[in-house]
Amino acid sequence: MPTTTIDGHEIHVNEEGFMTEPGEWTEDLAKSLAAQIGIDLTDEHWKAIRFLRDDYAHEGETATLRRISVVGGIPTKTLFQLFPQKPAKKLAYVAGLPKPHGCV
């Protein structure tokens, strides 16, 4: 498995740059990952990130945009505002989780 170094932390990633070891993730690392894709994290971002990580811990896979909206209670429109263009993919990246199934 390839690794990369972000802010002095070596993390395991796949060929697309998504973390493969969710236990390596920290909130400080999330800030760095978000900055790499041009996002400055707010409380609303953290609500989505925490939902996604908690859901992953229970379900064993990264939630789809629909699940985040329905179960997490975060409207799709809001997710597109927080994580422009590809919200599910960007949210998973920042949350240190695998890309959701169905994302290109």
C-alpha atoms as a PDB file:
ATOM      1  CA  MET A   1       0.000   0.000   0.000  1.00  0.00           C
ATOM      2  CA  PRO A   2       1.445   3.397  -0.923  1.00  0.00           C
ATOM      3  CA  THR A   3       2.017   6.056   1.706  1.00  0.00           C
ATOM      4  CA  THR A   4       2.209   9.825   1.643  1.00  0.00           C
ATOM      5  CA  THR A   5       3.304  12.422   4.158  1.00  0.00           C
ATOM      6  CA  ILE A   6       0.979  15.257   5.138  1.00  0.00           C
ATOM      7  CA  ASP A   7       2.077  17.773   7.766  1.00  0.00           C
ATOM      8  CA  GLY A   8       4.754  15.379   8.960  1.00  0.00           C
ATOM      9  CA  HIS A   9       2.391  12.411   9.332  1.00  0.00           C
ATOM     10  CA  GLU A  10       2.907   9.369   7.146  1.00  0.00           C
ATOM     11  CA  ILE A  11      -0.454   7.936   6.098  1.00  0.00           C
ATOM     12  CA  HIS A  12      -1.482   4.967   3.971  1.00  0.00           C
ATOM     13  CA  VAL A  13      -3.398   5.861   0.818  1.00  0.00           C
ATOM     14  CA  ASN A  14      -4.732   4.163  -2.285  1.00  0.00           C
ATOM     15  CA  GLU A  15      -3.860   5.106  -5.863  1.00  0.00           C
ATOM     16  CA  GLU A  16      -6.440   7.929  -5.774  1.00  0.00           C
ATOM     17  CA  GLY A  17      -5.080   9.422  -2.546  1.00  0.00           C
ATOM     18  CA  PHE A  18      -7.875   8.232  -0.230  1.00  0.00           C
ATOM     19  CA  MET A  19      -6.733   7.044   3.186  1.00  0.00           C
ATOM     20  CA  THR A  20      -6.846   3.277   3.618  1.00  0.00           C
ATOM     21  CA  GLU A  21      -6.339   3.182   7.407  1.00  0.00           C
ATOM     22  CA  PRO A  22      -9.138   5.210   9.062  1.00  0.00           C
ATOM     23  CA  GLY A  23      -7.341   4.914  12.408  1.00  0.00           C
ATOM     24  CA  GLU A  24      -4.544   7.153  11.108  1.00  0.00           C
ATOM     25  CA  TRP A  25      -6.994  10.052  10.731  1.00  0.00           C
ATOM     26  CA  THR A  26      -7.031  12.973  13.168  1.00  0.00           C
ATOM     27  CA  GLU A  27      -8.947  16.244  13.196  1.00  0.00           C
ATOM     28  CA  ASP A  28      -5.690  18.121  12.521  1.00  0.00           C
ATOM     29  CA  LEU A  29      -5.077  15.893   9.518  1.00  0.00           C
ATOM     30  CA  ALA A  30      -8.636  16.632   8.314  1.00  0.00           C
ATOM     31  CA  LYS A  31      -7.820  20.352   8.330  1.00  0.00           C
ATOM     32  CA  SER A  32      -4.759  19.685   6.169  1.00  0.00           C
ATOM     33  CA  LEU A  33      -6.669  17.419   3.782  1.00  0.00           C
ATOM     34  CA  ALA A  34      -9.426  20.026   3.453  1.00  0.00           C
ATOM     35  CA  ALA A  35      -6.895  22.783   2.787  1.00  0.00           C
ATOM     36  CA  GLN A  36      -5.398  20.678  -0.027  1.00  0.00           C
ATOM     37  CA  ILE A  37      -8.730  20.781  -1.844  1.00  0.00           C
ATOM     38  CA  GLY A  38      -9.475  24.421  -1.024  1.00  0.00           C
ATOM     39  CA  ILE A  39     -11.907  23.974   1.870  1.00  0.00           C
ATOM     40  CA  ASP A  40     -11.737  25.854   5.170  1.00  0.00           C
ATOM     41  CA  LEU A  41     -13.604  23.740   7.716  1.00  0.00           C
ATOM     42  CA  THR A  42     -16.534  25.230   9.641  1.00  0.00           C
ATOM     43  CA  ASP A  43     -18.860  23.738  12.269  1.00  0.00           C
ATOM     44  CA  GLU A  44     -21.177  22.600   9.446  1.00  0.00           C
ATOM     45  CA  HIS A  45     -18.301  20.735   7.781  1.00  0.00           C
ATOM     46  CA  TRP A  46     -17.461  19.050  11.086  1.00  0.00           C
ATOM     47  CA  LYS A  47     -21.065  17.917  11.522  1.00  0.00           C
ATOM     48  CA  ALA A  48     -20.888  16.122   8.166  1.00  0.00           C
ATOM     49  CA  ILE A  49     -17.400  14.711   8.834  1.00  0.00           C
ATOM     50  CA  ARG A  50     -18.366  13.348  12.246  1.00  0.00           C
ATOM     51  CA  PHE A  51     -21.550  11.784  10.883  1.00  0.00           C
ATOM     52  CA  LEU A  52     -19.620  10.117   8.068  1.00  0.00           C
ATOM     53  CA  ARG A  53     -16.957   8.705  10.405  1.00  0.00           C
ATOM     54  CA  ASP A  54     -19.528   7.456  12.938  1.00  0.00           C
ATOM     55  CA  ASP A  55     -21.622   5.889  10.188  1.00  0.00           C
ATOM     56  CA  TYR A  56     -18.529   4.213   8.717  1.00  0.00           C
ATOM     57  CA  ALA A  57     -17.676   2.750  12.132  1.00  0.00           C
ATOM     58  CA  HIS A  58     -21.162   1.196  12.346  1.00  0.00           C
ATOM     59  CA  GLU A  59     -21.779   0.229   8.709  1.00  0.00           C
ATOM     60  CA  GLY A  60     -18.275  -0.700   7.548  1.00  0.00           C
ATOM     61  CA  GLU A  61     -18.498   1.343   4.362  1.00  0.00           C
ATOM     62  CA  THR A  62     -18.547   5.010   3.445  1.00  0.00           C
ATOM     63  CA  ALA A  63     -22.065   6.439   3.264  1.00  0.00           C
ATOM     64  CA  THR A  64     -23.441   7.679  -0.031  1.00  0.00           C
ATOM     65  CA  LEU A  65     -24.645  11.247  -0.477  1.00  0.00           C
ATOM     66  CA  ARG A  66     -28.229  10.046  -0.122  1.00  0.00           C
ATOM     67  CA  ARG A  67     -27.508   8.321   3.187  1.00  0.00           C
ATOM     68  CA  ILE A  68     -25.698  11.392   4.531  1.00  0.00           C
ATOM     69  CA  SER A  69     -28.728  13.465   3.626  1.00  0.00           C
ATOM     70  CA  VAL A  70     -31.457  11.085   4.838  1.00  0.00           C
ATOM     71  CA  VAL A  71     -29.826   9.508   7.896  1.00  0.00           C
ATOM     72  CA  GLY A  72     -27.402  12.298   8.755  1.00  0.00           C
ATOM     73  CA  GLY A  73     -30.020  15.001   8.311  1.00  0.00           C
ATOM     74  CA  ILE A  74     -27.800  17.207   6.163  1.00  0.00           C
ATOM     75  CA  PRO A  75     -29.622  18.419   3.038  1.00  0.00           C
ATOM     76  CA  THR A  76     -27.988  17.565  -0.278  1.00  0.00           C
ATOM     77  CA  LYS A  77     -27.978  21.241  -1.235  1.00  0.00           C
ATOM     78  CA  THR A  78     -25.980  22.017   1.913  1.00  0.00           C
ATOM     79  CA  LEU A  79     -23.509  19.238   1.152  1.00  0.00           C
ATOM     80  CA  PHE A  80     -22.916  20.723  -2.308  1.00  0.00           C
ATOM     81  CA  GLN A  81     -22.286  24.122  -0.701  1.00  0.00           C
ATOM     82  CA  LEU A  82     -19.867  22.679   1.858  1.00  0.00           C
ATOM     83  CA  PHE A  83     -18.031  20.342  -0.518  1.00  0.00           C
ATOM     84  CA  PRO A  84     -18.535  21.832  -4.021  1.00  0.00           C
ATOM     85  CA  GLN A  85     -18.835  19.735  -7.192  1.00  0.00           C
ATOM     86  CA  LYS A  86     -18.289  16.237  -5.732  1.00  0.00           C
ATOM     87  CA  PRO A  87     -19.475  16.380  -2.127  1.00  0.00           C
ATOM     88  CA  ALA A  88     -19.474  12.653  -1.289  1.00  0.00           C
ATOM     89  CA  LYS A  89     -15.980  12.170  -2.681  1.00  0.00           C
ATOM     90  CA  LYS A  90     -14.544  15.312  -1.062  1.00  0.00           C
ATOM     91  CA  LEU A  91     -16.225  14.602   2.269  1.00  0.00           C
ATOM     92  CA  ALA A  92     -14.849  11.042   2.343  1.00  0.00           C
ATOM     93  CA  TYR A  93     -11.374  12.364   1.474  1.00  0.00           C
ATOM     94  CA  VAL A  94     -11.394  14.899   4.315  1.00  0.00           C
ATOM     95  CA  ALA A  95     -12.901  12.357   6.735  1.00  0.00           C
ATOM     96  CA  GLY A  96     -10.074   9.915   5.976  1.00  0.00           C
ATOM     97  CA  LEU A  97     -12.380   7.232   4.601  1.00  0.00           C
ATOM     98  CA  PRO A  98     -12.579   5.216   1.379  1.00  0.00           C
ATOM     99  CA  LYS A  99     -14.355   6.746  -1.589  1.00  0.00           C
ATOM    100  CA  PRO A 100     -18.076   5.819  -1.473  1.00  0.00           C
ATOM    101  CA  HIS A 101     -19.262   3.110  -3.859  1.00  0.00           C
ATOM    102  CA  GLY A 102     -20.620   4.613  -7.047  1.00  0.00           C
ATOM    103  CA  CYS A 103     -18.340   7.694  -7.021  1.00  0.00           C
ATOM    104  CA  VAL A 104     -16.239   8.216 -10.112  1.00  0.00           C
END
